[in-house]
Amino acid sequence: MSYTRRQVIKDLSVGGLSLGMASCLRSIRAHAAGTDAPLPKRFVFVVKSSGIDKFNLVPSGVENHFVRPDDGRKLGNRGRLQGPLTDVSLTDLPLPEKLGALEAFKDRLTIIQSLSGVGFRGDHTKGFGTLSLRDSEKVAVAPTLDCLLGQHLSSGPYPMYGMAMNGRLLETGWKPEDTYCYPNLSAYGPAKPVAFQGSPRKAFLELFGAAVASPEQLQRKLALNGKLMDFLTEDARRVERQLSGDDLERFELYLNSFESLQRIEEKKAALTERIRKHSPKLTDRYDSMAPSARIESHFEIATAALIAGLTNVITLRPDTLGVKYSELGLSNSVHSIGHLQENTASNGWTGHQARMEIEKMHIGQIALMAHQLEGIPEGDGTMLDNTMIVYMSCSSGDHHCAGHDWPFVLLGGLGKQLKTGRYIEYPKYGDEGHRTVGNLYLSLMRAAGMQTEDTFGQLDSNLQHLDVTGPLEELMV
């Protein structure tokens, strides 16, 4: 009896294979079956500080509701013009200057404007509320979107991995963190914040240590971890009998953290060859304190981590309010630039221009990541076709913004579950047809295959007259 290639592949089993080989086999199977459904989906959240200017996200040929029609000057936080839903293709529209680096990806680029996130506090930042949409600027009270997606999508060592320039928002005597930090952004649940890695070098060693370690060193590390767990398990039984109530709960969390570390190391060991193949090169740039070098290094490590299968969800915090982009000739901090508006920065730019040039730096790194993912075949397409990069801010569209106009830039395919190549602008806050950030997050979760409620996060009591349930219809396939 003869077998077709498709029948042979269908009969292959992933049992006993390494995580990397199993992932590869799933991709081969999907290709043979003629469907992309089983392919992994990935997310990258790039969360900027101090807002993303919305008035220079409008493509040429589309009416700009965020500037004055007579002289083109930027309108304030809630000063945008009235207007109906705008949903147009980007195919024949010139991209705004700020997004010029993404021209090659117009068919997978979506610009979304005028979603609101109001009802939870935040002055310079929404903190944990940025991704949970809860009143939790400084203390996590609910799981955040990136962690929920990571737990659903990631089969590698890390459900979600975060890198940040700094943990503090308003720094004095600023310099990048050189170790773990807490940027008050991501959380697995109430009082469970995620530590972000600030140092590119330490992130490299943590994620790609297998690339520079010998097999003997890896075996010794796993053996040592195993012995430590055996000791902890035996010792824990004696301790547990003496604890009760909150003390017992805290001790269980402590013990779980060791078990989690052991599982991480075991999964990384199974991916050793894949890690070595896709590891970035450890360079002196990983020790640079310049913001542009740190940002470049974080993006490089994040891209390699996705390709190696170490995680399916990455969150990057490219700057905080104290950061000074000296390589752009700016001695002003991100915070002070946010207040400049039409006034002049140290290098002669207006505040608006300085903000745009900083955002262009971030967009350039997003474009580089997209090009690298585009170069990795997956199924009938590439990794970019199954990845969604989300560029956003922790404080919506402006410095000190209340969240009435929250812009998002989406890049990628996500398995063709979302419509791409669009400019979508919703009606002004409170008007019929207005939608919220919660609707967008529901769209992303459902596109990732998650079962969700009809709402996400805190509801806005000022929008009770509107239907703000479910995903964004204009975005869903």
Protein backbone atom coordinates (compact mmCIF):
# COMPACT_ATOMS: atom_id res chain seq x y z
CA MET A 1 0.00 0.00 0.00
CA SER A 2 1.44 3.39 -0.96
CA TYR A 3 1.21 6.48 1.26
CA THR A 4 0.97 10.09 0.22
CA ARG A 5 3.22 12.69 1.90
CA ARG A 6 0.17 14.11 3.68
CA GLN A 7 -0.80 10.68 5.12
CA VAL A 8 2.74 10.03 6.38
CA ILE A 9 2.91 13.41 8.11
CA LYS A 10 -0.54 12.93 9.62
CA ASP A 11 0.58 9.64 11.22
CA LEU A 12 3.71 11.14 12.80
CA SER A 13 3.61 11.45 16.58
CA VAL A 14 5.07 14.29 18.65
CA GLY A 15 5.51 11.93 21.59
CA GLY A 16 9.10 11.84 22.85
CA LEU A 17 10.24 14.73 20.67
CA SER A 18 11.91 17.83 22.06
CA LEU A 19 9.77 20.95 22.37
CA GLY A 20 11.57 22.53 19.43
CA MET A 21 11.10 19.49 17.18
CA ALA A 22 7.47 19.13 18.23
CA SER A 23 6.85 22.78 17.32
CA CYS A 24 8.51 22.21 13.95
CA LEU A 25 6.42 19.08 13.33
CA ARG A 26 3.19 20.96 14.11
CA SER A 27 4.16 23.53 11.48
CA ILE A 28 4.88 20.78 8.92
CA ARG A 29 1.55 19.11 9.69
CA ALA A 30 -0.35 22.36 9.27
CA HIS A 31 1.34 22.95 5.92
CA ALA A 32 0.48 19.44 4.74
CA ALA A 33 -3.13 19.78 5.86
CA GLY A 34 -3.48 23.09 4.06
CA THR A 35 -4.48 25.00 7.19
CA ASP A 36 -2.75 27.48 9.50
CA ALA A 37 -5.06 26.79 12.46
CA PRO A 38 -2.57 24.76 14.55
CA LEU A 39 0.29 27.20 14.07
CA PRO A 40 1.46 29.06 17.20
CA LYS A 41 0.32 32.64 17.73
CA ARG A 42 2.54 35.28 19.32
CA PHE A 43 2.26 38.79 20.72
CA VAL A 44 4.73 41.58 21.32
CA PHE A 45 3.52 44.57 23.37
CA VAL A 46 5.67 47.69 23.07
CA VAL A 47 4.43 50.09 25.73
CA LYS A 48 5.77 53.63 25.51
CA SER A 49 5.71 56.22 28.27
CA SER A 50 4.05 59.67 28.06
CA GLY A 51 1.52 58.93 25.33
CA ILE A 52 1.68 58.34 21.60
CA ASP A 53 0.77 61.40 19.54
CA LYS A 54 -2.41 60.59 17.65
CA PHE A 55 -2.52 63.62 15.34
CA ASN A 56 0.48 62.35 13.29
CA LEU A 57 -0.95 58.82 12.86
CA VAL A 58 -3.54 59.88 10.28
CA PRO A 59 -2.64 58.86 6.67
CA SER A 60 -2.65 61.48 3.94
CA GLY A 61 -6.05 61.68 2.27
CA VAL A 62 -7.99 61.02 5.48
CA GLU A 63 -9.54 63.93 7.39
CA ASN A 64 -7.52 64.59 10.52
CA HIS A 65 -9.88 65.10 13.46
CA PHE A 66 -7.01 65.81 15.88
CA VAL A 67 -5.81 69.12 14.44
CA ARG A 68 -7.45 72.46 13.80
CA PRO A 69 -8.66 72.63 10.18
CA ASP A 70 -7.58 76.25 9.73
CA ASP A 71 -3.89 76.03 10.70
CA GLY A 72 -3.20 72.35 11.43
CA ARG A 73 -2.27 72.96 15.08
CA LYS A 74 -2.73 70.05 17.43
CA LEU A 75 -5.95 69.90 19.45
CA GLY A 76 -5.90 69.07 23.16
CA ASN A 77 -6.64 65.86 25.01
CA ARG A 78 -10.41 65.95 24.46
CA GLY A 79 -10.49 68.60 21.76
CA ARG A 80 -10.83 66.35 18.74
CA LEU A 81 -13.40 67.13 16.05
CA GLN A 82 -16.68 65.30 15.66
CA GLY A 83 -16.70 62.58 13.05
CA PRO A 84 -18.30 59.25 12.11
CA LEU A 85 -16.56 55.89 12.04
CA THR A 86 -13.66 55.88 9.60
CA ASP A 87 -12.60 52.49 8.24
CA VAL A 88 -10.45 52.69 5.11
CA SER A 89 -7.81 50.57 3.40
CA LEU A 90 -4.19 51.69 3.63
CA THR A 91 -3.37 50.24 0.22
CA ASP A 92 -3.50 53.50 -1.74
CA LEU A 93 -2.85 55.91 1.14
CA PRO A 94 0.61 57.31 1.95
CA LEU A 95 1.57 56.42 5.51
CA PRO A 96 2.26 59.32 7.88
CA GLU A 97 5.94 60.17 8.31
CA LYS A 98 6.08 58.59 11.75
CA LEU A 99 5.21 55.15 10.32
CA GLY A 100 7.37 55.38 7.21
CA ALA A 101 9.57 52.45 8.30
CA LEU A 102 6.52 50.17 8.08
CA GLU A 103 5.77 50.88 4.40
CA ALA A 104 6.77 47.34 3.38
CA PHE A 105 4.16 45.93 5.76
CA LYS A 106 1.14 48.09 4.86
CA ASP A 107 -0.95 44.99 4.13
CA ARG A 108 -0.42 43.81 7.73
CA LEU A 109 -0.54 47.21 9.42
CA THR A 110 -3.61 48.49 11.26
CA ILE A 111 -3.87 51.95 12.86
CA ILE A 112 -6.66 52.29 15.44
CA GLN A 113 -7.70 55.67 16.87
CA SER A 114 -10.11 57.06 19.47
CA LEU A 115 -10.65 54.04 21.67
CA SER A 116 -11.17 55.14 25.26
CA GLY A 117 -9.92 53.81 28.56
CA VAL A 118 -11.59 55.96 31.19
CA GLY A 119 -12.73 55.08 34.68
CA PHE A 120 -9.47 53.98 36.25
CA ARG A 121 -6.91 56.38 37.65
CA GLY A 122 -3.55 57.39 36.24
CA ASP A 123 -1.78 60.68 35.77
CA HIS A 124 1.54 59.99 34.07
CA THR A 125 0.67 56.33 33.61
CA LYS A 126 -2.21 53.90 34.05
CA GLY A 127 0.30 51.47 35.59
CA PHE A 128 -1.04 47.94 35.77
CA GLY A 129 -4.32 49.38 34.48
CA THR A 130 -2.70 49.83 31.05
CA LEU A 131 -3.08 46.12 30.29
CA SER A 132 -5.69 45.10 32.89
CA LEU A 133 -8.02 48.12 32.43
CA ARG A 134 -8.52 48.23 36.18
CA ASP A 135 -7.96 50.93 38.76
CA SER A 136 -4.50 49.64 39.62
CA GLU A 137 -1.83 52.20 38.84
CA LYS A 138 0.62 51.01 41.49
CA VAL A 139 -0.80 47.75 42.87
CA ALA A 140 -1.88 44.85 40.66
CA VAL A 141 -5.50 43.86 41.31
CA ALA A 142 -6.14 41.67 38.25
CA PRO A 143 -4.24 39.74 35.56
CA THR A 144 -3.01 41.79 32.62
CA LEU A 145 -3.64 41.07 28.96
CA ASP A 146 -0.07 40.01 28.14
CA CYS A 147 0.04 37.52 31.01
CA LEU A 148 -3.36 36.06 30.12
CA LEU A 149 -2.26 35.61 26.52
CA GLY A 150 1.07 34.16 27.60
CA GLN A 151 -0.56 31.54 29.81
CA HIS A 152 -2.86 30.59 26.93
CA LEU A 153 -0.33 30.57 24.09
CA SER A 154 3.15 29.81 25.40
CA SER A 155 4.44 26.25 25.61
CA GLY A 156 8.06 27.28 26.17
CA PRO A 157 9.83 28.06 29.45
CA TYR A 158 8.31 31.53 29.90
CA PRO A 159 4.57 32.25 29.60
CA MET A 160 5.51 35.91 29.13
CA TYR A 161 8.87 37.69 29.24
CA GLY A 162 9.34 41.39 29.95
CA MET A 163 12.20 43.85 29.42
CA ALA A 164 12.18 47.46 30.58
CA MET A 165 14.48 50.46 30.59
CA ASN A 166 13.69 51.15 34.24
CA GLY A 167 11.23 50.32 36.98
CA ARG A 168 10.67 53.79 38.35
CA LEU A 169 8.55 56.26 36.43
CA LEU A 170 10.02 59.61 37.46
CA GLU A 171 13.73 59.02 38.02
CA THR A 172 16.24 61.51 39.34
CA GLY A 173 19.79 61.04 38.15
CA TRP A 174 18.42 58.57 35.63
CA LYS A 175 20.32 55.61 34.25
CA PRO A 176 18.99 52.28 32.95
CA GLU A 177 18.43 49.46 35.40
CA ASP A 178 21.07 46.75 35.34
CA THR A 179 18.98 44.02 36.92
CA TYR A 180 15.35 43.07 37.48
CA CYS A 181 12.88 45.91 37.93
CA TYR A 182 9.14 46.35 38.36
CA PRO A 183 7.66 48.87 35.89
CA ASN A 184 4.14 48.35 37.32
CA LEU A 185 2.88 47.06 34.01
CA SER A 186 2.29 43.29 33.91
CA ALA A 187 0.80 40.90 36.47
CA TYR A 188 -0.42 37.31 36.62
CA GLY A 189 -3.07 38.26 39.16
CA PRO A 190 -3.73 40.34 42.27
CA ALA A 191 -0.43 41.14 44.01
CA LYS A 192 1.48 39.06 41.43
CA PRO A 193 3.51 41.63 39.44
CA VAL A 194 5.98 40.50 36.80
CA ALA A 195 9.64 41.39 37.21
CA PHE A 196 11.12 42.79 33.97
CA GLN A 197 14.78 42.40 33.09
CA GLY A 198 16.55 45.73 32.63
CA SER A 199 19.98 44.46 31.61
CA PRO A 200 20.36 43.15 28.04
CA ARG A 201 23.40 41.11 29.10
CA LYS A 202 21.54 39.42 31.96
CA ALA A 203 18.52 38.84 29.73
CA PHE A 204 20.82 37.16 27.21
CA LEU A 205 22.35 34.89 29.86
CA GLU A 206 18.94 34.09 31.32
CA LEU A 207 17.35 33.25 27.97
CA PHE A 208 20.29 32.02 25.89
CA GLY A 209 22.71 30.70 28.50
CA ALA A 210 22.50 27.32 26.77
CA ALA A 211 24.12 28.92 23.72
CA VAL A 212 27.34 29.68 25.61
CA ALA A 213 27.35 26.78 28.10
CA SER A 214 28.81 23.35 27.49
CA PRO A 215 26.57 20.23 27.68
CA GLU A 216 28.39 19.27 30.89
CA GLN A 217 27.59 22.65 32.46
CA LEU A 218 23.91 22.32 31.53
CA GLN A 219 23.73 18.81 32.98
CA ARG A 220 25.35 19.94 36.23
CA LYS A 221 22.92 22.84 36.53
CA LEU A 222 19.87 20.60 36.04
CA ALA A 223 21.24 18.03 38.48
CA LEU A 224 21.92 20.70 41.09
CA ASN A 225 18.42 22.15 40.66
CA GLY A 226 16.94 18.66 41.04
CA LYS A 227 18.83 18.03 44.25
CA LEU A 228 17.73 21.42 45.57
CA MET A 229 14.09 20.59 44.81
CA ASP A 230 14.41 17.20 46.52
CA PHE A 231 15.80 18.93 49.60
CA LEU A 232 13.10 21.60 49.57
CA THR A 233 10.29 19.07 49.13
CA GLU A 234 11.49 16.95 52.03
CA ASP A 235 12.13 19.96 54.24
CA ALA A 236 8.80 21.56 53.28
CA ARG A 237 6.80 18.69 54.74
CA ARG A 238 8.26 19.40 58.16
CA VAL A 239 7.69 23.16 57.86
CA GLU A 240 4.10 22.89 56.55
CA ARG A 241 2.96 20.99 59.63
CA GLN A 242 3.91 23.99 61.76
CA LEU A 243 2.14 26.64 59.67
CA SER A 244 -1.46 27.73 59.20
CA GLY A 245 -3.54 30.47 57.63
CA ASP A 246 -1.67 33.26 55.83
CA ASP A 247 1.72 31.87 56.81
CA LEU A 248 0.95 28.57 55.11
CA GLU A 249 -0.28 30.37 51.99
CA ARG A 250 2.89 32.48 51.78
CA PHE A 251 5.05 29.40 52.24
CA GLU A 252 3.25 27.60 49.41
CA LEU A 253 3.86 30.56 47.10
CA TYR A 254 7.53 30.50 48.09
CA LEU A 255 7.79 26.79 47.32
CA ASN A 256 5.91 27.19 44.02
CA SER A 257 8.46 29.75 42.88
CA PHE A 258 11.24 27.16 43.18
CA GLU A 259 9.17 24.60 41.30
CA SER A 260 8.53 27.17 38.55
CA LEU A 261 12.25 27.84 38.21
CA GLN A 262 12.93 24.12 37.92
CA ARG A 263 10.30 23.75 35.17
CA ILE A 264 11.79 26.72 33.32
CA GLU A 265 15.26 25.17 33.36
CA GLU A 266 13.93 21.80 32.19
CA LYS A 267 12.07 23.39 29.28
CA LYS A 268 15.12 25.45 28.30
CA ALA A 269 17.26 22.29 28.34
CA ALA A 270 14.81 20.67 25.89
CA LEU A 271 15.27 23.65 23.57
CA THR A 272 19.07 23.72 23.74
CA GLU A 273 19.78 23.18 20.04
CA ARG A 274 17.11 25.65 18.95
CA ILE A 275 18.44 28.21 21.43
CA ARG A 276 21.97 27.82 20.09
CA LYS A 277 20.76 28.16 16.52
CA HIS A 278 18.80 31.37 17.04
CA SER A 279 20.76 33.03 19.85
CA PRO A 280 21.81 36.63 19.16
CA LYS A 281 25.50 37.49 19.38
CA LEU A 282 26.59 38.73 22.78
CA THR A 283 28.19 42.12 22.12
CA ASP A 284 29.46 45.13 24.06
CA ARG A 285 26.28 46.96 23.03
CA TYR A 286 24.46 44.91 25.68
CA ASP A 287 26.35 46.92 28.32
CA SER A 288 25.63 50.35 26.85
CA MET A 289 23.69 52.86 28.93
CA ALA A 290 22.48 54.85 25.89
CA PRO A 291 18.69 54.54 25.49
CA SER A 292 18.88 53.77 21.76
CA ALA A 293 21.39 50.95 22.37
CA ARG A 294 19.27 49.52 25.20
CA ILE A 295 16.14 49.62 23.05
CA GLU A 296 17.94 47.99 20.12
CA SER A 297 19.30 45.25 22.39
CA HIS A 298 15.92 44.57 23.99
CA PHE A 299 14.26 44.21 20.59
CA GLU A 300 17.06 41.95 19.34
CA ILE A 301 16.77 39.65 22.35
CA ALA A 302 12.96 39.65 22.18
CA THR A 303 12.97 38.65 18.51
CA ALA A 304 15.42 35.83 19.13
CA ALA A 305 13.40 34.59 22.11
CA LEU A 306 10.27 34.34 19.95
CA ILE A 307 12.10 32.53 17.15
CA ALA A 308 13.75 30.10 19.58
CA GLY A 309 10.37 29.27 21.15
CA LEU A 310 11.32 30.47 24.63
CA THR A 311 8.02 32.34 24.90
CA ASN A 312 5.10 33.41 22.73
CA VAL A 313 4.48 36.74 24.46
CA ILE A 314 6.99 39.56 25.01
CA THR A 315 6.33 42.93 26.66
CA LEU A 316 8.84 45.73 26.13
CA ARG A 317 8.95 49.04 28.03
CA PRO A 318 11.28 51.12 25.80
CA ASP A 319 11.35 54.21 28.01
CA THR A 320 10.09 55.90 31.16
CA LEU A 321 9.59 59.57 31.98
CA GLY A 322 13.13 60.11 33.22
CA VAL A 323 14.83 58.82 30.07
CA LYS A 324 16.93 61.36 28.15
CA TYR A 325 17.55 60.56 24.48
CA SER A 326 20.96 62.22 24.36
CA GLU A 327 21.78 60.49 21.05
CA LEU A 328 19.04 62.66 19.50
CA GLY A 329 20.66 65.77 20.95
CA LEU A 330 18.01 66.01 23.67
CA SER A 331 18.98 66.94 27.22
CA ASN A 332 15.27 67.12 28.09
CA SER A 333 13.69 64.08 29.73
CA VAL A 334 10.68 62.33 28.22
CA HIS A 335 8.67 63.95 31.01
CA SER A 336 9.74 67.50 30.22
CA ILE A 337 9.30 66.92 26.47
CA GLY A 338 5.70 65.95 27.18
CA HIS A 339 5.11 69.44 28.56
CA LEU A 340 6.86 71.38 25.78
CA GLN A 341 4.12 71.26 23.13
CA GLU A 342 5.13 74.05 20.65
CA ASN A 343 8.02 75.18 22.85
CA THR A 344 11.58 74.33 21.92
CA ALA A 345 13.65 71.39 23.18
CA SER A 346 17.41 71.54 23.75
CA ASN A 347 18.22 70.62 20.13
CA GLY A 348 15.83 73.15 18.57
CA TRP A 349 12.91 70.78 17.91
CA THR A 350 9.45 71.58 19.20
CA GLY A 351 8.06 69.25 21.82
CA HIS A 352 5.80 67.70 19.19
CA GLN A 353 8.69 67.00 16.84
CA ALA A 354 10.83 65.55 19.64
CA ARG A 355 8.03 63.17 20.60
CA MET A 356 7.64 62.08 16.97
CA GLU A 357 11.37 61.44 16.52
CA ILE A 358 11.44 59.30 19.66
CA GLU A 359 8.43 57.33 18.43
CA LYS A 360 10.11 56.93 15.01
CA MET A 361 13.06 55.31 16.82
CA HIS A 362 10.70 52.77 18.37
CA ILE A 363 8.88 52.19 15.08
CA GLY A 364 12.23 51.56 13.39
CA GLN A 365 12.97 48.74 15.84
CA ILE A 366 9.48 47.31 15.31
CA ALA A 367 10.14 47.32 11.55
CA LEU A 368 13.44 45.49 12.07
CA MET A 369 11.69 42.88 14.22
CA ALA A 370 9.02 42.46 11.54
CA HIS A 371 11.65 41.96 8.83
CA GLN A 372 13.36 39.27 10.92
CA LEU A 373 10.10 37.43 11.65
CA GLU A 374 9.18 37.74 7.96
CA GLY A 375 12.36 35.81 7.16
CA ILE A 376 11.34 32.73 9.19
CA PRO A 377 9.09 30.34 7.19
CA GLU A 378 6.11 28.95 9.07
CA GLY A 379 3.32 26.92 7.49
CA ASP A 380 2.38 28.51 4.18
CA GLY A 381 3.70 31.88 5.33
CA THR A 382 6.13 33.32 7.87
CA MET A 383 6.36 33.91 11.60
CA LEU A 384 5.13 37.47 11.07
CA ASP A 385 1.88 36.07 9.67
CA ASN A 386 1.23 34.48 13.08
CA THR A 387 2.53 37.30 15.27
CA MET A 388 0.92 40.56 16.40
CA ILE A 389 3.13 43.48 17.45
CA VAL A 390 1.18 46.11 19.41
CA TYR A 391 2.66 49.62 19.78
CA MET A 392 0.84 51.61 22.43
CA SER A 393 1.31 53.85 25.45
CA CYS A 394 0.69 53.52 29.16
CA SER A 395 -1.04 56.93 29.11
CA SER A 396 -3.10 56.89 25.90
CA GLY A 397 -2.56 59.73 23.42
CA ASP A 398 -1.05 62.64 25.33
CA HIS A 399 1.06 63.50 28.33
CA HIS A 400 -1.26 63.74 31.39
CA CYS A 401 -4.08 62.26 29.31
CA ALA A 402 -7.29 60.93 30.87
CA GLY A 403 -7.66 58.20 28.27
CA HIS A 404 -10.41 59.51 25.99
CA ASP A 405 -8.34 58.95 22.81
CA TRP A 406 -6.07 55.92 22.99
CA PRO A 407 -4.17 55.14 19.74
CA PHE A 408 -2.81 51.70 18.80
CA VAL A 409 -0.56 50.53 15.97
CA LEU A 410 -0.92 46.82 15.17
CA LEU A 411 1.50 44.97 12.91
CA GLY A 412 1.32 41.32 11.93
CA GLY A 413 -1.04 38.60 10.82
CA LEU A 414 -2.08 36.55 13.88
CA GLY A 415 -3.12 33.63 11.69
CA LYS A 416 -5.46 35.75 9.56
CA GLN A 417 -7.87 36.11 12.47
CA LEU A 418 -7.89 39.91 12.27
CA LYS A 419 -8.41 42.29 9.36
CA THR A 420 -5.22 44.16 8.51
CA GLY A 421 -4.11 46.96 6.20
CA ARG A 422 -6.67 49.39 7.67
CA TYR A 423 -6.97 52.81 9.27
CA ILE A 424 -9.84 52.65 11.77
CA GLU A 425 -11.00 55.68 13.75
CA TYR A 426 -14.01 55.44 16.04
CA PRO A 427 -16.45 58.27 16.83
CA LYS A 428 -15.55 60.71 19.58
CA TYR A 429 -15.86 59.68 23.24
CA GLY A 430 -19.52 59.38 24.20
CA ASP A 431 -20.85 59.54 20.62
CA GLU A 432 -22.87 56.72 19.09
CA GLY A 433 -20.54 54.04 17.79
CA HIS A 434 -17.68 54.89 20.17
CA ARG A 435 -15.69 51.87 21.40
CA THR A 436 -13.18 51.20 24.17
CA VAL A 437 -9.75 49.66 24.70
CA GLY A 438 -11.57 46.76 26.35
CA ASN A 439 -13.20 45.95 23.02
CA LEU A 440 -9.77 45.83 21.38
CA TYR A 441 -8.36 43.55 24.07
CA LEU A 442 -11.32 41.20 23.62
CA SER A 443 -10.57 41.17 19.89
CA LEU A 444 -6.96 40.16 20.51
CA MET A 445 -7.89 37.45 23.00
CA ARG A 446 -10.54 35.93 20.75
CA ALA A 447 -8.19 36.04 17.75
CA ALA A 448 -5.74 34.11 19.92
CA GLY A 449 -8.39 31.44 20.51
CA MET A 450 -9.33 32.39 24.07
CA GLN A 451 -12.84 32.08 25.46
CA THR A 452 -13.81 35.46 26.92
CA GLU A 453 -16.64 37.30 28.61
CA ASP A 454 -18.41 40.10 26.73
CA THR A 455 -16.39 42.79 28.53
CA PHE A 456 -12.84 43.19 29.79
CA GLY A 457 -11.71 45.41 32.65
CA GLN A 458 -13.66 48.12 34.42
CA LEU A 459 -16.68 49.49 32.61
CA ASP A 460 -16.95 53.24 32.06
CA SER A 461 -20.02 54.55 33.89
CA ASN A 462 -20.18 57.49 31.47
CA LEU A 463 -20.81 55.14 28.54
CA GLN A 464 -23.87 53.31 29.89
CA HIS A 465 -25.90 54.63 26.96
CA LEU A 466 -23.62 52.80 24.49
CA ASP A 467 -23.07 49.15 23.69
CA VAL A 468 -19.41 48.55 24.49
CA THR A 469 -19.55 44.75 24.70
CA GLY A 470 -17.73 42.22 22.55
CA PRO A 471 -14.79 42.61 20.17
CA LEU A 472 -14.35 45.28 17.51
CA GLU A 473 -16.45 44.14 14.57
CA GLU A 474 -14.35 46.20 12.17
CA LEU A 475 -11.25 44.26 13.21
CA MET A 476 -12.52 40.68 13.35
CA VAL A 477 -12.46 38.38 10.33
